[in-house]
Amino acid sequence: MTDYSDLKFTAEHEWVRLDAAADGVSTRATIGITAYAAEKLGDVVYVDLPDEGSAIADGAVVGEIESTKSVGELFAPLTGVVLEKNSAVEESPELVNSDPFGEGWLIRVEFTELPELLSYADYQALTGDDGASA
């Protein structure tokens, strides 16, 4: 079972996990889409992610997730620079469905400022989720 206590969420169904920092002030985060979004998309067949070193801006479209049902956009939940993209997801897009909070992560970012994001409870309220998934 996924522990959502260290995650923040967006209304666009991305999750953000702050990476641990030795001084307690992290400026690095890992980003993915929620299980709720992955389920709504259906079987993911293609993922296009920004390259390492790309600058991203909070709210901007930075990638694309294509499924058997539709094509969805990946929105940046914060402003910063992409440190790493998950090449395994581009090679095996089904990871987004099978493990959205683990092996299905999408990008790691060095951010400049952490915007206000949703708690798990707030995200559950937004989606009408009963807690079975996020």
Protein backbone atom coordinates (compact mmCIF):
# COMPACT_ATOMS: atom_id res chain seq x y z
CA MET A 1 0.00 0.00 0.00
CA THR A 2 1.33 3.43 -0.95
CA ASP A 3 2.08 5.92 1.80
CA TYR A 4 0.62 9.22 0.61
CA SER A 5 1.77 11.24 3.64
CA ASP A 6 4.94 12.43 1.90
CA LEU A 7 3.19 13.33 -1.35
CA LYS A 8 1.56 16.54 -2.57
CA PHE A 9 -0.90 16.69 -5.43
CA THR A 10 -2.17 19.00 -8.16
CA ALA A 11 -5.67 19.44 -9.52
CA GLU A 12 -4.23 18.20 -12.86
CA HIS A 13 -3.55 14.80 -11.20
CA GLU A 14 0.20 14.96 -10.77
CA TRP A 15 1.89 13.94 -7.55
CA VAL A 16 5.05 15.53 -6.12
CA ARG A 17 7.43 13.89 -3.65
CA LEU A 18 10.12 16.11 -2.15
CA ASP A 19 13.46 14.35 -2.06
CA ALA A 20 15.16 14.13 1.31
CA ALA A 21 17.83 16.75 1.97
CA ALA A 22 20.59 16.61 4.53
CA ASP A 23 19.72 20.08 5.80
CA GLY A 24 15.97 19.37 5.77
CA VAL A 25 15.29 21.92 3.02
CA SER A 26 14.79 20.07 -0.22
CA THR A 27 14.80 21.76 -3.60
CA ARG A 28 14.47 18.50 -5.51
CA ALA A 29 11.27 16.64 -6.26
CA THR A 30 10.07 13.57 -8.09
CA ILE A 31 6.90 13.91 -10.15
CA GLY A 32 4.40 11.44 -11.57
CA ILE A 33 0.72 11.11 -12.30
CA THR A 34 -1.72 9.65 -9.81
CA ALA A 35 -3.28 6.20 -9.93
CA TYR A 36 -6.62 7.97 -10.42
CA ALA A 37 -5.31 9.67 -13.58
CA ALA A 38 -3.67 6.48 -14.84
CA GLU A 39 -6.92 4.59 -14.36
CA LYS A 40 -8.92 7.28 -16.17
CA LEU A 41 -6.43 7.30 -19.07
CA GLY A 42 -6.62 3.55 -19.56
CA ASP A 43 -3.70 1.54 -20.89
CA VAL A 44 -0.80 3.94 -21.42
CA VAL A 45 0.99 3.20 -24.70
CA TYR A 46 3.32 6.20 -25.15
CA VAL A 47 5.00 8.74 -22.87
CA ASP A 48 6.94 11.82 -24.02
CA LEU A 49 8.95 13.52 -21.26
CA PRO A 50 11.13 16.65 -21.24
CA ASP A 51 14.87 16.11 -21.56
CA GLU A 52 17.33 16.57 -18.74
CA GLY A 53 18.34 20.21 -18.45
CA SER A 54 15.01 21.49 -19.75
CA ALA A 55 13.52 24.44 -17.92
CA ILE A 56 9.91 23.91 -16.87
CA ALA A 57 7.37 26.40 -15.56
CA ASP A 58 4.57 25.80 -13.08
CA GLY A 59 1.38 25.01 -15.01
CA ALA A 60 3.04 24.63 -18.42
CA VAL A 61 2.61 21.52 -20.55
CA VAL A 62 5.90 19.59 -20.43
CA GLY A 63 4.97 16.19 -21.78
CA GLU A 64 2.40 13.91 -23.26
CA ILE A 65 0.84 10.65 -22.12
CA GLU A 66 -1.01 8.66 -24.75
CA SER A 67 -3.31 5.79 -23.92
CA THR A 68 -5.66 3.52 -25.77
CA LYS A 69 -8.45 5.96 -24.84
CA SER A 70 -6.92 9.40 -25.29
CA VAL A 71 -3.90 11.67 -25.25
CA GLY A 72 -3.26 13.57 -22.03
CA GLU A 73 -0.89 16.40 -21.26
CA LEU A 74 1.65 16.38 -18.45
CA PHE A 75 1.64 19.71 -16.61
CA ALA A 76 4.61 20.92 -14.58
CA PRO A 77 3.52 21.26 -10.95
CA LEU A 78 6.43 23.60 -10.19
CA THR A 79 9.08 25.77 -11.81
CA GLY A 80 12.60 24.46 -12.20
CA VAL A 81 14.99 22.37 -14.26
CA VAL A 82 14.59 18.71 -15.17
CA LEU A 83 17.38 16.69 -13.55
CA GLU A 84 16.29 13.30 -14.83
CA LYS A 85 13.54 11.74 -16.87
CA ASN A 86 12.42 8.19 -16.35
CA SER A 87 13.63 6.54 -19.54
CA ALA A 88 12.19 3.22 -18.33
CA VAL A 89 8.70 4.74 -18.61
CA GLU A 90 9.35 5.91 -22.17
CA GLU A 91 10.51 2.39 -23.05
CA SER A 92 7.75 0.66 -21.05
CA PRO A 93 4.80 3.09 -20.76
CA GLU A 94 2.71 0.47 -18.98
CA LEU A 95 4.70 1.29 -15.81
CA VAL A 96 2.48 4.36 -15.45
CA ASN A 97 -0.50 2.04 -14.97
CA SER A 98 1.17 -0.74 -13.01
CA ASP A 99 3.16 1.37 -10.50
CA PRO A 100 2.33 5.10 -10.80
CA PHE A 101 3.90 6.00 -7.43
CA GLY A 102 6.98 3.81 -7.84
CA GLU A 103 8.59 2.63 -11.06
CA GLY A 104 6.14 4.78 -13.03
CA TRP A 105 7.54 8.13 -11.83
CA LEU A 106 8.10 10.58 -14.69
CA ILE A 107 10.66 13.31 -13.96
CA ARG A 108 12.96 14.58 -11.20
CA VAL A 109 13.27 18.33 -10.91
CA GLU A 110 15.38 20.95 -9.14
CA PHE A 111 12.78 23.57 -8.31
CA THR A 112 13.13 27.23 -7.46
CA GLU A 113 10.02 27.63 -5.34
CA LEU A 114 7.48 25.16 -4.08
CA PRO A 115 3.98 26.33 -4.99
CA GLU A 116 0.96 25.56 -2.87
CA LEU A 117 -0.06 21.98 -3.61
CA LEU A 118 -2.90 19.78 -2.41
CA SER A 119 -2.68 17.36 0.51
CA TYR A 120 -3.86 13.80 -0.02
CA ALA A 121 -7.14 14.62 1.75
CA ASP A 122 -7.66 17.64 -0.50
CA TYR A 123 -6.92 15.52 -3.58
CA GLN A 124 -9.35 12.83 -2.43
CA ALA A 125 -12.03 15.50 -2.03
CA LEU A 126 -11.28 16.80 -5.53
CA THR A 127 -11.61 13.39 -7.17
CA GLY A 128 -14.36 12.01 -4.95
CA ASP A 129 -11.99 9.16 -4.18
CA ASP A 130 -12.85 6.98 -1.22
CA GLY A 131 -9.21 6.31 -0.43
CA ALA A 132 -8.76 3.24 -2.58
CA SER A 133 -6.37 5.06 -4.91
CA ALA A 134 -4.86 8.46 -5.50
